[in-house]
PDB file of N, CA and C in Angstrom:
ATOM      1  N   MET A   1     -78.953 -92.534-128.050  1.00  0.00           N
ATOM      2  CA  MET A   1     -78.378 -91.384-127.339  1.00  0.00           C
ATOM      3  C   MET A   1     -79.483 -90.405-126.926  1.00  0.00           C
ATOM      4  N   LYS A   2     -80.541 -90.300-127.727  1.00  0.00           N
ATOM      5  CA  LYS A   2     -81.631 -89.382-127.394  1.00  0.00           C
ATOM      6  C   LYS A   2     -82.238 -89.706-126.028  1.00  0.00           C
ATOM      7  N   GLN A   3     -82.379 -91.003-125.720  1.00  0.00           N
ATOM      8  CA  GLN A   3     -82.934 -91.397-124.423  1.00  0.00           C
ATOM      9  C   GLN A   3     -82.028 -90.944-123.279  1.00  0.00           C
ATOM     10  N   VAL A   4     -80.734 -91.032-123.474  1.00  0.00           N
ATOM     11  CA  VAL A   4     -79.780 -90.590-122.458  1.00  0.00           C
ATOM     12  C   VAL A   4     -79.886 -89.078-122.280  1.00  0.00           C
ATOM     13  N   VAL A   5     -79.910 -88.342-123.372  1.00  0.00           N
ATOM     14  CA  VAL A   5     -80.014 -86.878-123.304  1.00  0.00           C
ATOM     15  C   VAL A   5     -81.298 -86.479-122.591  1.00  0.00           C
ATOM     16  N   ASP A   6     -82.405 -87.090-122.967  1.00  0.00           N
ATOM     17  CA  ASP A   6     -83.688 -86.761-122.335  1.00  0.00           C
ATOM     18  C   ASP A   6     -83.678 -87.068-120.844  1.00  0.00           C
ATOM     19  N   ALA A   7     -83.124 -88.217-120.457  1.00  0.00           N
ATOM     20  CA  ALA A   7     -83.067 -88.601-119.048  1.00  0.00           C
ATOM     21  C   ALA A   7     -82.194 -87.639-118.254  1.00  0.00           C
ATOM     22  N   LEU A   8     -81.034 -87.286-118.806  1.00  0.00           N
ATOM     23  CA  LEU A   8     -80.126 -86.392-118.090  1.00  0.00           C
ATOM     24  C   LEU A   8     -80.668 -84.969-118.027  1.00  0.00           C
ATOM     25  N   ARG A   9     -81.354 -84.533-119.065  1.00  0.00           N
ATOM     26  CA  ARG A   9     -81.981 -83.208-119.018  1.00  0.00           C
ATOM     27  C   ARG A   9     -83.039 -83.175-117.909  1.00  0.00           C
ATOM     28  N   GLU A  10     -83.856 -84.218-117.856  1.00  0.00           N
ATOM     29  CA  GLU A  10     -84.889 -84.283-116.825  1.00  0.00           C
ATOM     30  C   GLU A  10     -84.266 -84.260-115.423  1.00  0.00           C
ATOM     31  N   LEU A  11     -83.194 -85.022-115.233  1.00  0.00           N
ATOM     32  CA  LEU A  11     -82.524 -85.046-113.939  1.00  0.00           C
ATOM     33  C   LEU A  11     -81.918 -83.689-113.589  1.00  0.00           C
ATOM     34  N   GLU A  12     -81.197 -83.083-114.531  1.00  0.00           N
ATOM     35  CA  GLU A  12     -80.595 -81.768-114.256  1.00  0.00           C
ATOM     36  C   GLU A  12     -81.667 -80.734-113.935  1.00  0.00           C
ATOM     37  N   GLU A  13     -82.740 -80.728-114.712  1.00  0.00           N
ATOM     38  CA  GLU A  13     -83.794 -79.737-114.469  1.00  0.00           C
ATOM     39  C   GLU A  13     -84.510 -79.997-113.153  1.00  0.00           C
ATOM     40  N   SER A  14     -84.545 -81.252-112.702  1.00  0.00           N
ATOM     41  CA  SER A  14     -85.168 -81.549-111.410  1.00  0.00           C
ATOM     42  C   SER A  14     -84.407 -80.884-110.269  1.00  0.00           C
ATOM     43  N   LEU A  15     -83.115 -80.666-110.477  1.00  0.00           N
ATOM     44  CA  LEU A  15     -82.302 -80.008-109.442  1.00  0.00           C
ATOM     45  C   LEU A  15     -82.594 -78.513-109.355  1.00  0.00           C
ATOM     46  N   TRP A  16     -83.324 -77.983-110.325  1.00  0.00           N
ATOM     47  CA  TRP A  16     -83.714 -76.569-110.362  1.00  0.00           C
ATOM     48  C   TRP A  16     -85.176 -76.366-109.976  1.00  0.00           C
ATOM     49  N   ARG A  17     -85.820 -77.426-109.490  1.00  0.00           N
ATOM     50  CA  ARG A  17     -87.210 -77.360-109.019  1.00  0.00           C
ATOM     51  C   ARG A  17     -87.212 -77.661-107.519  1.00  0.00           C
ATOM     52  N   SER A  18     -87.760 -76.758-106.731  1.00  0.00           N
ATOM     53  CA  SER A  18     -87.751 -76.910-105.271  1.00  0.00           C
ATOM     54  C   SER A  18     -88.342 -78.230-104.810  1.00  0.00           C
ATOM     55  N   GLU A  19     -89.434 -78.680-105.464  1.00  0.00           N
ATOM     56  CA  GLU A  19     -90.115 -79.885-104.990  1.00  0.00           C
ATOM     57  C   GLU A  19     -89.265 -81.147-105.127  1.00  0.00           C
ATOM     58  N   THR A  20     -88.320 -81.175-106.040  1.00  0.00           N
ATOM     59  CA  THR A  20     -87.427 -82.332-106.151  1.00  0.00           C
ATOM     60  C   THR A  20     -86.072 -82.051-105.508  1.00  0.00           C
ATOM     61  N   ARG A  21     -85.574 -80.853-105.671  1.00  0.00           N
ATOM     62  CA  ARG A  21     -84.251 -80.503-105.123  1.00  0.00           C
ATOM     63  C   ARG A  21     -84.195 -80.635-103.604  1.00  0.00           C
ATOM     64  N   PHE A  22     -85.325 -80.390-102.953  1.00  0.00           N
ATOM     65  CA  PHE A  22     -85.342 -80.451-101.493  1.00  0.00           C
ATOM     66  C   PHE A  22     -86.142 -81.646-100.971  1.00  0.00           C
ATOM     67  N   ASP A  23     -86.296 -82.661-101.813  1.00  0.00           N
ATOM     68  CA  ASP A  23     -86.917 -83.922-101.409  1.00  0.00           C
ATOM     69  C   ASP A  23     -85.774 -84.849-100.980  1.00  0.00           C
ATOM     70  N   PRO A  24     -85.635 -85.090 -99.667  1.00  0.00           N
ATOM     71  CA  PRO A  24     -84.488 -85.868 -99.178  1.00  0.00           C
ATOM     72  C   PRO A  24     -84.365 -87.259 -99.809  1.00  0.00           C
ATOM     73  N   ALA A  25     -85.471 -87.953 -99.993  1.00  0.00           N
ATOM     74  CA  ALA A  25     -85.414 -89.312-100.568  1.00  0.00           C
ATOM     75  C   ALA A  25     -84.944 -89.255-102.019  1.00  0.00           C
ATOM     76  N   TYR A  26     -85.440 -88.278-102.767  1.00  0.00           N
ATOM     77  CA  TYR A  26     -85.042 -88.120-104.165  1.00  0.00           C
ATOM     78  C   TYR A  26     -83.555 -87.811-104.269  1.00  0.00           C
ATOM     79  N   MET A  27     -83.092 -86.837-103.492  1.00  0.00           N
ATOM     80  CA  MET A  27     -81.688 -86.443-103.551  1.00  0.00           C
ATOM     81  C   MET A  27     -80.769 -87.556-103.051  1.00  0.00           C
ATOM     82  N   ASP A  28     -81.197 -88.298-102.037  1.00  0.00           N
ATOM     83  CA  ASP A  28     -80.411 -89.417-101.543  1.00  0.00           C
ATOM     84  C   ASP A  28     -80.223 -90.468-102.638  1.00  0.00           C
ATOM     85  N   ARG A  29     -81.245 -90.643-103.464  1.00  0.00           N
ATOM     86  CA  ARG A  29     -81.196 -91.629-104.536  1.00  0.00           C
ATOM     87  C   ARG A  29     -80.291 -91.198-105.688  1.00  0.00           C
ATOM     88  N   ILE A  30     -80.298 -89.908-106.040  1.00  0.00           N
ATOM     89  CA  ILE A  30     -79.535 -89.507-107.229  1.00  0.00           C
ATOM     90  C   ILE A  30     -78.112 -89.030-106.940  1.00  0.00           C
ATOM     91  N   LEU A  31     -77.800 -88.679-105.713  1.00  0.00           N
ATOM     92  CA  LEU A  31     -76.423 -88.274-105.404  1.00  0.00           C
ATOM     93  C   LEU A  31     -75.580 -89.502-105.093  1.00  0.00           C
ATOM     94  N   ALA A  32     -74.511 -89.683-105.834  1.00  0.00           N
ATOM     95  CA  ALA A  32     -73.603 -90.803-105.604  1.00  0.00           C
ATOM     96  C   ALA A  32     -72.991 -90.684-104.203  1.00  0.00           C
ATOM     97  N   PRO A  33     -72.608 -91.802-103.607  1.00  0.00           N
ATOM     98  CA  PRO A  33     -72.009 -91.760-102.269  1.00  0.00           C
ATOM     99  C   PRO A  33     -70.786 -90.847-102.187  1.00  0.00           C
ATOM    100  N   ASP A  34     -70.030 -90.736-103.276  1.00  0.00           N
ATOM    101  CA  ASP A  34     -68.819 -89.900-103.270  1.00  0.00           C
ATOM    102  C   ASP A  34     -69.028 -88.555-103.968  1.00  0.00           C
ATOM    103  N   PHE A  35     -70.283 -88.127-104.115  1.00  0.00           N
ATOM    104  CA  PHE A  35     -70.580 -86.855-104.785  1.00  0.00           C
ATOM    105  C   PHE A  35     -69.852 -85.692-104.105  1.00  0.00           C
ATOM    106  N   PHE A  36     -69.416 -84.742-104.941  1.00  0.00           N
ATOM    107  CA  PHE A  36     -68.935 -83.452-104.440  1.00  0.00           C
ATOM    108  C   PHE A  36     -69.174 -82.389-105.504  1.00  0.00           C
ATOM    109  N   GLU A  37     -69.125 -81.151-105.069  1.00  0.00           N
ATOM    110  CA  GLU A  37     -69.407 -80.016-105.947  1.00  0.00           C
ATOM    111  C   GLU A  37     -68.412 -78.902-105.687  1.00  0.00           C
ATOM    112  N   PHE A  38     -67.981 -78.239-106.765  1.00  0.00           N
ATOM    113  CA  PHE A  38     -67.245 -76.985-106.652  1.00  0.00           C
ATOM    114  C   PHE A  38     -68.258 -75.886-106.903  1.00  0.00           C
ATOM    115  N   GLY A  39     -68.535 -75.101-105.884  1.00  0.00           N
ATOM    116  CA  GLY A  39     -69.525 -74.038-105.989  1.00  0.00           C
ATOM    117  C   GLY A  39     -68.971 -72.801-106.670  1.00  0.00           C
ATOM    118  N   ARG A  40     -69.875 -71.907-106.979  1.00  0.00           N
ATOM    119  CA  ARG A  40     -69.546 -70.629-107.611  1.00  0.00           C
ATOM    120  C   ARG A  40     -68.484 -69.872-106.820  1.00  0.00           C
ATOM    121  N   SER A  41     -68.538 -69.992-105.495  1.00  0.00           N
ATOM    122  CA  SER A  41     -67.607 -69.271-104.624  1.00  0.00           C
ATOM    123  C   SER A  41     -66.219 -69.906-104.599  1.00  0.00           C
ATOM    124  N   GLY A  42     -66.125 -71.142-105.122  1.00  0.00           N
ATOM    125  CA  GLY A  42     -64.871 -71.883-105.036  1.00  0.00           C
ATOM    126  C   GLY A  42     -64.878 -72.889-103.901  1.00  0.00           C
ATOM    127  N   ARG A  43     -65.899 -72.808-103.071  1.00  0.00           N
ATOM    128  CA  ARG A  43     -66.037 -73.742-101.949  1.00  0.00           C
ATOM    129  C   ARG A  43     -66.375 -75.139-102.478  1.00  0.00           C
ATOM    130  N   THR A  44     -65.873 -76.158-101.791  1.00  0.00           N
ATOM    131  CA  THR A  44     -66.214 -77.536-102.111  1.00  0.00           C
ATOM    132  C   THR A  44     -67.344 -77.987-101.183  1.00  0.00           C
ATOM    133  N   TYR A  45     -68.385 -78.572-101.786  1.00  0.00           N
ATOM    134  CA  TYR A  45     -69.530 -79.088-101.044  1.00  0.00           C
ATOM    135  C   TYR A  45     -69.536 -80.611-101.135  1.00  0.00           C
ATOM    136  N   THR A  46     -69.837 -81.259-100.039  1.00  0.00           N
ATOM    137  CA  THR A  46     -69.947 -82.718-100.009  1.00  0.00           C
ATOM    138  C   THR A  46     -71.407 -83.128-100.203  1.00  0.00           C
ATOM    139  N   ARG A  47     -71.597 -84.399-100.365  1.00  0.00           N
ATOM    140  CA  ARG A  47     -72.952 -84.952-100.452  1.00  0.00           C
ATOM    141  C   ARG A  47     -73.750 -84.553 -99.207  1.00  0.00           C
ATOM    142  N   GLU A  48     -73.120 -84.667 -98.051  1.00  0.00           N
ATOM    143  CA  GLU A  48     -73.778 -84.340 -96.788  1.00  0.00           C
ATOM    144  C   GLU A  48     -74.170 -82.869 -96.735  1.00  0.00           C
ATOM    145  N   ASP A  49     -73.309 -81.988 -97.233  1.00  0.00           N
ATOM    146  CA  ASP A  49     -73.643 -80.559 -97.275  1.00  0.00           C
ATOM    147  C   ASP A  49     -74.899 -80.325 -98.101  1.00  0.00           C
ATOM    148  N   ILE A  50     -74.969 -80.973 -99.257  1.00  0.00           N
ATOM    149  CA  ILE A  50     -76.106 -80.784-100.156  1.00  0.00           C
ATOM    150  C   ILE A  50     -77.380 -81.316 -99.519  1.00  0.00           C
ATOM    151  N   LEU A  51     -77.318 -82.497 -98.929  1.00  0.00           N
ATOM    152  CA  LEU A  51     -78.503 -83.091 -98.311  1.00  0.00           C
ATOM    153  C   LEU A  51     -78.987 -82.290 -97.105  1.00  0.00           C
ATOM    154  N   ALA A  52     -78.092 -81.592 -96.428  1.00  0.00           N
ATOM    155  CA  ALA A  52     -78.451 -80.822 -95.238  1.00  0.00           C
ATOM    156  C   ALA A  52     -78.888 -79.394 -95.563  1.00  0.00           C
ATOM    157  N   GLY A  53     -78.780 -78.985 -96.825  1.00  0.00           N
ATOM    158  CA  GLY A  53     -79.123 -77.608 -97.190  1.00  0.00           C
ATOM    159  C   GLY A  53     -80.594 -77.291 -96.943  1.00  0.00           C
ATOM    160  N   PRO A  54     -80.872 -76.061 -96.504  1.00  0.00           N
ATOM    161  CA  PRO A  54     -82.267 -75.682 -96.227  1.00  0.00           C
ATOM    162  C   PRO A  54     -83.083 -75.519 -97.517  1.00  0.00           C
ATOM    163  N   ALA A  55     -84.348 -75.889 -97.451  1.00  0.00           N
ATOM    164  CA  ALA A  55     -85.248 -75.738 -98.599  1.00  0.00           C
ATOM    165  C   ALA A  55     -85.557 -74.256 -98.824  1.00  0.00           C
ATOM    166  N   HIS A  56     -85.677 -73.883-100.096  1.00  0.00           N
ATOM    167  CA  HIS A  56     -86.065 -72.522-100.469  1.00  0.00           C
ATOM    168  C   HIS A  56     -86.608 -72.549-101.891  1.00  0.00           C
ATOM    169  N   GLU A  57     -87.254 -71.485-102.276  1.00  0.00           N
ATOM    170  CA  GLU A  57     -87.759 -71.383-103.644  1.00  0.00           C
ATOM    171  C   GLU A  57     -86.592 -71.195-104.599  1.00  0.00           C
ATOM    172  N   ILE A  58     -86.700 -71.778-105.771  1.00  0.00           N
ATOM    173  CA  ILE A  58     -85.678 -71.622-106.795  1.00  0.00           C
ATOM    174  C   ILE A  58     -86.331 -70.972-108.005  1.00  0.00           C
ATOM    175  N   ASP A  59     -85.817 -69.825-108.382  1.00  0.00           N
ATOM    176  CA  ASP A  59     -86.340 -69.108-109.544  1.00  0.00           C
ATOM    177  C   ASP A  59     -85.337 -69.260-110.685  1.00  0.00           C
ATOM    178  N   ALA A  60     -85.418 -70.411-111.359  1.00  0.00           N
ATOM    179  CA  ALA A  60     -84.477 -70.733-112.434  1.00  0.00           C
ATOM    180  C   ALA A  60     -85.198 -70.736-113.769  1.00  0.00           C
ATOM    181  N   ARG A  61     -84.475 -70.367-114.799  1.00  0.00           N
ATOM    182  CA  ARG A  61     -85.018 -70.385-116.157  1.00  0.00           C
ATOM    183  C   ARG A  61     -84.874 -71.794-116.730  1.00  0.00           C
ATOM    184  N   LEU A  62     -85.995 -72.366-117.099  1.00  0.00           N
ATOM    185  CA  LEU A  62     -86.029 -73.685-117.721  1.00  0.00           C
ATOM    186  C   LEU A  62     -86.776 -73.569-119.039  1.00  0.00           C
ATOM    187  N   PRO A  63     -86.427 -74.335-120.045  1.00  0.00           N
ATOM    188  CA  PRO A  63     -85.383 -75.359-120.039  1.00  0.00           C
ATOM    189  C   PRO A  63     -83.989 -74.744-119.954  1.00  0.00           C
ATOM    190  N   LEU A  64     -83.047 -75.546-119.528  1.00  0.00           N
ATOM    191  CA  LEU A  64     -81.662 -75.106-119.393  1.00  0.00           C
ATOM    192  C   LEU A  64     -81.077 -74.781-120.764  1.00  0.00           C
ATOM    193  N   GLU A  65     -80.331 -73.690-120.824  1.00  0.00           N
ATOM    194  CA  GLU A  65     -79.742 -73.220-122.085  1.00  0.00           C
ATOM    195  C   GLU A  65     -78.466 -73.989-122.428  1.00  0.00           C
ATOM    196  N   ASN A  66     -78.226 -74.161-123.723  1.00  0.00           N
ATOM    197  CA  ASN A  66     -77.001 -74.788-124.231  1.00  0.00           C
ATOM    198  C   ASN A  66     -76.719 -76.138-123.571  1.00  0.00           C
ATOM    199  N   PHE A  67     -77.760 -76.922-123.383  1.00  0.00           N
ATOM    200  CA  PHE A  67     -77.648 -78.225-122.726  1.00  0.00           C
ATOM    201  C   PHE A  67     -77.005 -79.216-123.691  1.00  0.00           C
ATOM    202  N   ILE A  68     -75.835 -79.728-123.305  1.00  0.00           N
ATOM    203  CA  ILE A  68     -75.095 -80.669-124.150  1.00  0.00           C
ATOM    204  C   ILE A  68     -74.650 -81.852-123.300  1.00  0.00           C
ATOM    205  N   VAL A  69     -74.801 -83.051-123.850  1.00  0.00           N
ATOM    206  CA  VAL A  69     -74.357 -84.275-123.187  1.00  0.00           C
ATOM    207  C   VAL A  69     -73.137 -84.797-123.942  1.00  0.00           C
ATOM    208  N   HIS A  70     -72.050 -84.982-123.215  1.00  0.00           N
ATOM    209  CA  HIS A  70     -70.778 -85.445-123.777  1.00  0.00           C
ATOM    210  C   HIS A  70     -70.505 -86.855-123.261  1.00  0.00           C
ATOM    211  N   PRO A  71     -70.515 -87.870-124.110  1.00  0.00           N
ATOM    212  CA  PRO A  71     -70.205 -89.230-123.648  1.00  0.00           C
ATOM    213  C   PRO A  71     -68.737 -89.332-123.213  1.00  0.00           C
ATOM    214  N   ILE A  72     -68.523 -89.949-122.065  1.00  0.00           N
ATOM    215  CA  ILE A  72     -67.172 -90.197-121.557  1.00  0.00           C
ATOM    216  C   ILE A  72     -66.866 -91.692-121.676  1.00  0.00           C
ATOM    217  N   ALA A  73     -67.838 -92.512-121.312  1.00  0.00           N
ATOM    218  CA  ALA A  73     -67.771 -93.974-121.426  1.00  0.00           C
ATOM    219  C   ALA A  73     -69.205 -94.443-121.654  1.00  0.00           C
ATOM    220  N   SER A  74     -69.401 -95.727-121.807  1.00  0.00           N
ATOM    221  CA  SER A  74     -70.751 -96.213-122.118  1.00  0.00           C
ATOM    222  C   SER A  74     -71.749 -95.901-121.012  1.00  0.00           C
ATOM    223  N   ASP A  75     -71.283 -95.725-119.776  1.00  0.00           N
ATOM    224  CA  ASP A  75     -72.175 -95.453-118.659  1.00  0.00           C
ATOM    225  C   ASP A  75     -71.813 -94.182-117.887  1.00  0.00           C
ATOM    226  N   VAL A  76     -71.007 -93.302-118.490  1.00  0.00           N
ATOM    227  CA  VAL A  76     -70.587 -92.056-117.847  1.00  0.00           C
ATOM    228  C   VAL A  76     -70.729 -90.916-118.855  1.00  0.00           C
ATOM    229  N   PHE A  77     -71.382 -89.815-118.403  1.00  0.00           N
ATOM    230  CA  PHE A  77     -71.639 -88.685-119.292  1.00  0.00           C
ATOM    231  C   PHE A  77     -71.372 -87.374-118.578  1.00  0.00           C
ATOM    232  N   LEU A  78     -70.748 -86.458-119.294  1.00  0.00           N
ATOM    233  CA  LEU A  78     -70.549 -85.097-118.826  1.00  0.00           C
ATOM    234  C   LEU A  78     -71.661 -84.251-119.423  1.00  0.00           C
ATOM    235  N   VAL A  79     -72.351 -83.507-118.574  1.00  0.00           N
ATOM    236  CA  VAL A  79     -73.413 -82.611-119.019  1.00  0.00           C
ATOM    237  C   VAL A  79     -72.930 -81.182-118.786  1.00  0.00           C
ATOM    238  N   THR A  80     -73.083 -80.340-119.808  1.00  0.00           N
ATOM    239  CA  THR A  80     -72.746 -78.918-119.654  1.00  0.00           C
ATOM    240  C   THR A  80     -73.954 -78.088-120.075  1.00  0.00           C
ATOM    241  N   TYR A  81     -74.104 -76.928-119.440  1.00  0.00           N
ATOM    242  CA  TYR A  81     -75.198 -76.019-119.776  1.00  0.00           C
ATOM    243  C   TYR A  81     -74.960 -74.668-119.120  1.00  0.00           C
ATOM    244  N   VAL A  82     -75.805 -73.721-119.471  1.00  0.00           N
ATOM    245  CA  VAL A  82     -75.773 -72.389-118.875  1.00  0.00           C
ATOM    246  C   VAL A  82     -77.020 -72.249-118.001  1.00  0.00           C
ATOM    247  N   SER A  83     -76.814 -71.864-116.758  1.00  0.00           N
ATOM    248  CA  SER A  83     -77.943 -71.659-115.847  1.00  0.00           C
ATOM    249  C   SER A  83     -78.212 -70.164-115.706  1.00  0.00           C
ATOM    250  N   GLU A  84     -79.469 -69.867-115.484  1.00  0.00           N
ATOM    251  CA  GLU A  84     -79.880 -68.490-115.172  1.00  0.00           C
ATOM    252  C   GLU A  84     -80.856 -68.587-114.011  1.00  0.00           C
ATOM    253  N   VAL A  85     -80.440 -68.100-112.864  1.00  0.00           N
ATOM    254  CA  VAL A  85     -81.250 -68.184-111.657  1.00  0.00           C
ATOM    255  C   VAL A  85     -81.290 -66.808-111.000  1.00  0.00           C
ATOM    256  N   THR A  86     -82.450 -66.471-110.460  1.00  0.00           N
ATOM    257  CA  THR A  86     -82.621 -65.174-109.825  1.00  0.00           C
ATOM    258  C   THR A  86     -82.718 -65.360-108.317  1.00  0.00           C
ATOM    259  N   TYR A  87     -81.815 -64.709-107.612  1.00  0.00           N
ATOM    260  CA  TYR A  87     -81.894 -64.622-106.158  1.00  0.00           C
ATOM    261  C   TYR A  87     -82.278 -63.167-105.902  1.00  0.00           C
ATOM    262  N   LYS A  88     -81.367 -62.330-105.501  1.00  0.00           N
ATOM    263  CA  LYS A  88     -81.657 -60.896-105.444  1.00  0.00           C
ATOM    264  C   LYS A  88     -81.449 -60.282-106.811  1.00  0.00           C
ATOM    265  N   GLU A  89     -80.598 -60.915-107.598  1.00  0.00           N
ATOM    266  CA  GLU A  89     -80.324 -60.486-108.973  1.00  0.00           C
ATOM    267  C   GLU A  89     -80.135 -61.727-109.829  1.00  0.00           C
ATOM    268  N   VAL A  90     -80.137 -61.553-111.123  1.00  0.00           N
ATOM    269  CA  VAL A  90     -79.952 -62.681-112.030  1.00  0.00           C
ATOM    270  C   VAL A  90     -78.488 -63.100-112.001  1.00  0.00           C
ATOM    271  N   GLN A  91     -78.271 -64.399-111.827  1.00  0.00           N
ATOM    272  CA  GLN A  91     -76.929 -64.964-111.854  1.00  0.00           C
ATOM    273  C   GLN A  91     -76.863 -65.979-112.986  1.00  0.00           C
ATOM    274  N   VAL A  92     -75.878 -65.797-113.851  1.00  0.00           N
ATOM    275  CA  VAL A  92     -75.669 -66.707-114.968  1.00  0.00           C
ATOM    276  C   VAL A  92     -74.416 -67.515-114.670  1.00  0.00           C
ATOM    277  N   GLY A  93     -74.490 -68.820-114.886  1.00  0.00           N
ATOM    278  CA  GLY A  93     -73.341 -69.674-114.601  1.00  0.00           C
ATOM    279  C   GLY A  93     -73.153 -70.731-115.662  1.00  0.00           C
ATOM    280  N   ASN A  94     -71.910 -71.082-115.884  1.00  0.00           N
ATOM    281  CA  ASN A  94     -71.587 -72.228-116.731  1.00  0.00           C
ATOM    282  C   ASN A  94     -71.532 -73.428-115.804  1.00  0.00           C
ATOM    283  N   ARG A  95     -72.305 -74.448-116.130  1.00  0.00           N
ATOM    284  CA  ARG A  95     -72.436 -75.608-115.251  1.00  0.00           C
ATOM    285  C   ARG A  95     -71.908 -76.862-115.930  1.00  0.00           C
ATOM    286  N   SER A  96     -71.388 -77.765-115.113  1.00  0.00           N
ATOM    287  CA  SER A  96     -70.997 -79.087-115.611  1.00  0.00           C
ATOM    288  C   SER A  96     -71.331 -80.112-114.542  1.00  0.00           C
ATOM    289  N   SER A  97     -71.795 -81.258-114.998  1.00  0.00           N
ATOM    290  CA  SER A  97     -72.150 -82.357-114.103  1.00  0.00           C
ATOM    291  C   SER A  97     -71.641 -83.658-114.706  1.00  0.00           C
ATOM    292  N   LEU A  98     -71.205 -84.535-113.849  1.00  0.00           N
ATOM    293  CA  LEU A  98     -70.767 -85.856-114.269  1.00  0.00           C
ATOM    294  C   LEU A  98     -71.766 -86.874-113.717  1.00  0.00           C
ATOM    295  N   TRP A  99     -72.423 -87.577-114.635  1.00  0.00           N
ATOM    296  CA  TRP A  99     -73.444 -88.565-114.294  1.00  0.00           C
ATOM    297  C   TRP A  99     -72.961 -89.962-114.671  1.00  0.00           C
ATOM    298  N   SER A 100     -73.305 -90.942-113.831  1.00  0.00           N
ATOM    299  CA  SER A 100     -73.003 -92.333-114.177  1.00  0.00           C
ATOM    300  C   SER A 100     -74.269 -93.171-114.035  1.00  0.00           C
ATOM    301  N   LYS A 101     -74.392 -94.123-114.925  1.00  0.00           N
ATOM    302  CA  LYS A 101     -75.525 -95.054-114.908  1.00  0.00           C
ATOM    303  C   LYS A 101     -75.109 -96.251-114.066  1.00  0.00           C
ATOM    304  N   THR A 102     -75.865 -96.510-113.007  1.00  0.00           N
ATOM    305  CA  THR A 102     -75.560 -97.620-112.106  1.00  0.00           C
ATOM    306  C   THR A 102     -76.734 -98.602-112.123  1.00  0.00           C
ATOM    307  N   GLY A 103     -76.592 -99.694-111.407  1.00  0.00           N
ATOM    308  CA  GLY A 103     -77.690-100.643-111.282  1.00  0.00           C
ATOM    309  C   GLY A 103     -78.914-100.025-110.633  1.00  0.00           C
ATOM    310  N   ALA A 104     -78.701 -98.979-109.839  1.00  0.00           N
ATOM    311  CA  ALA A 104     -79.802 -98.295-109.151  1.00  0.00           C
ATOM    312  C   ALA A 104     -80.365 -97.139-109.982  1.00  0.00           C
ATOM    313  N   GLY A 105     -79.780 -96.875-111.136  1.00  0.00           N
ATOM    314  CA  GLY A 105     -80.221 -95.752-111.965  1.00  0.00           C
ATOM    315  C   GLY A 105     -79.116 -94.716-112.101  1.00  0.00           C
ATOM    316  N   TRP A 106     -79.486 -93.547-112.589  1.00  0.00           N
ATOM    317  CA  TRP A 106     -78.524 -92.466-112.774  1.00  0.00           C
ATOM    318  C   TRP A 106     -78.109 -91.877-111.438  1.00  0.00           C
ATOM    319  N   GLN A 107     -76.805 -91.598-111.315  1.00  0.00           N
ATOM    320  CA  GLN A 107     -76.306 -90.931-110.117  1.00  0.00           C
ATOM    321  C   GLN A 107     -75.373 -89.791-110.510  1.00  0.00           C
ATOM    322  N   LEU A 108     -75.546 -88.687-109.790  1.00  0.00           N
ATOM    323  CA  LEU A 108     -74.712 -87.505-109.982  1.00  0.00           C
ATOM    324  C   LEU A 108     -73.464 -87.668-109.133  1.00  0.00           C
ATOM    325  N   ARG A 109     -72.301 -87.612-109.778  1.00  0.00           N
ATOM    326  CA  ARG A 109     -71.030 -87.830-109.073  1.00  0.00           C
ATOM    327  C   ARG A 109     -70.294 -86.529-108.781  1.00  0.00           C
ATOM    328  N   PHE A 110     -70.471 -85.529-109.664  1.00  0.00           N
ATOM    329  CA  PHE A 110     -69.730 -84.271-109.531  1.00  0.00           C
ATOM    330  C   PHE A 110     -70.526 -83.160-110.194  1.00  0.00           C
ATOM    331  N   HIS A 111     -70.434 -81.955-109.626  1.00  0.00           N
ATOM    332  CA  HIS A 111     -71.062 -80.777-110.248  1.00  0.00           C
ATOM    333  C   HIS A 111     -70.147 -79.574-110.015  1.00  0.00           C
ATOM    334  N   GLN A 112     -70.141 -78.667-110.984  1.00  0.00           N
ATOM    335  CA  GLN A 112     -69.363 -77.435-110.866  1.00  0.00           C
ATOM    336  C   GLN A 112     -70.149 -76.272-111.424  1.00  0.00           C
ATOM    337  N   ASP A 113     -70.060 -75.142-110.741  1.00  0.00           N
ATOM    338  CA  ASP A 113     -70.683 -73.887-111.192  1.00  0.00           C
ATOM    339  C   ASP A 113     -69.568 -72.852-111.339  1.00  0.00           C
ATOM    340  N   THR A 114     -69.502 -72.241-112.496  1.00  0.00           N
ATOM    341  CA  THR A 114     -68.518 -71.194-112.763  1.00  0.00           C
ATOM    342  C   THR A 114     -69.278 -69.959-113.222  1.00  0.00           C
ATOM    343  N   VAL A 115     -68.893 -68.819-112.703  1.00  0.00           N
ATOM    344  CA  VAL A 115     -69.556 -67.576-113.087  1.00  0.00           C
ATOM    345  C   VAL A 115     -69.512 -67.419-114.612  1.00  0.00           C
ATOM    346  N   GLY A 116     -70.673 -67.139-115.192  1.00  0.00           N
ATOM    347  CA  GLY A 116     -70.779 -67.020-116.656  1.00  0.00           C
ATOM    348  C   GLY A 116     -70.475 -65.650-117.174  1.00  0.00           C
TER     349      GLY A 116
END
């Protein structure tokens, strides 16, 4: 289980680093074809929305706080954590992600951000 936790932590934290978050090839590889996200605003984002997003600096606190991996099935895991990111002000959010292990590697299927 430690290997799974370490791999998923690395993947989640990569989404908080500009150099990986805005690398089209990297994001194309880790976002599942049916990926979607419920954003902080309540808006639903598709895979295409995420891939088309403009690059910008991300000022996030790493390592991620309260990072927990919850097994759902042998190849599906729910990850929860608290994010702290600074835009004009510090925003704290409760995050959840659903990851699945595929033949191509780990893929992110769903993500949600809720105001913390």
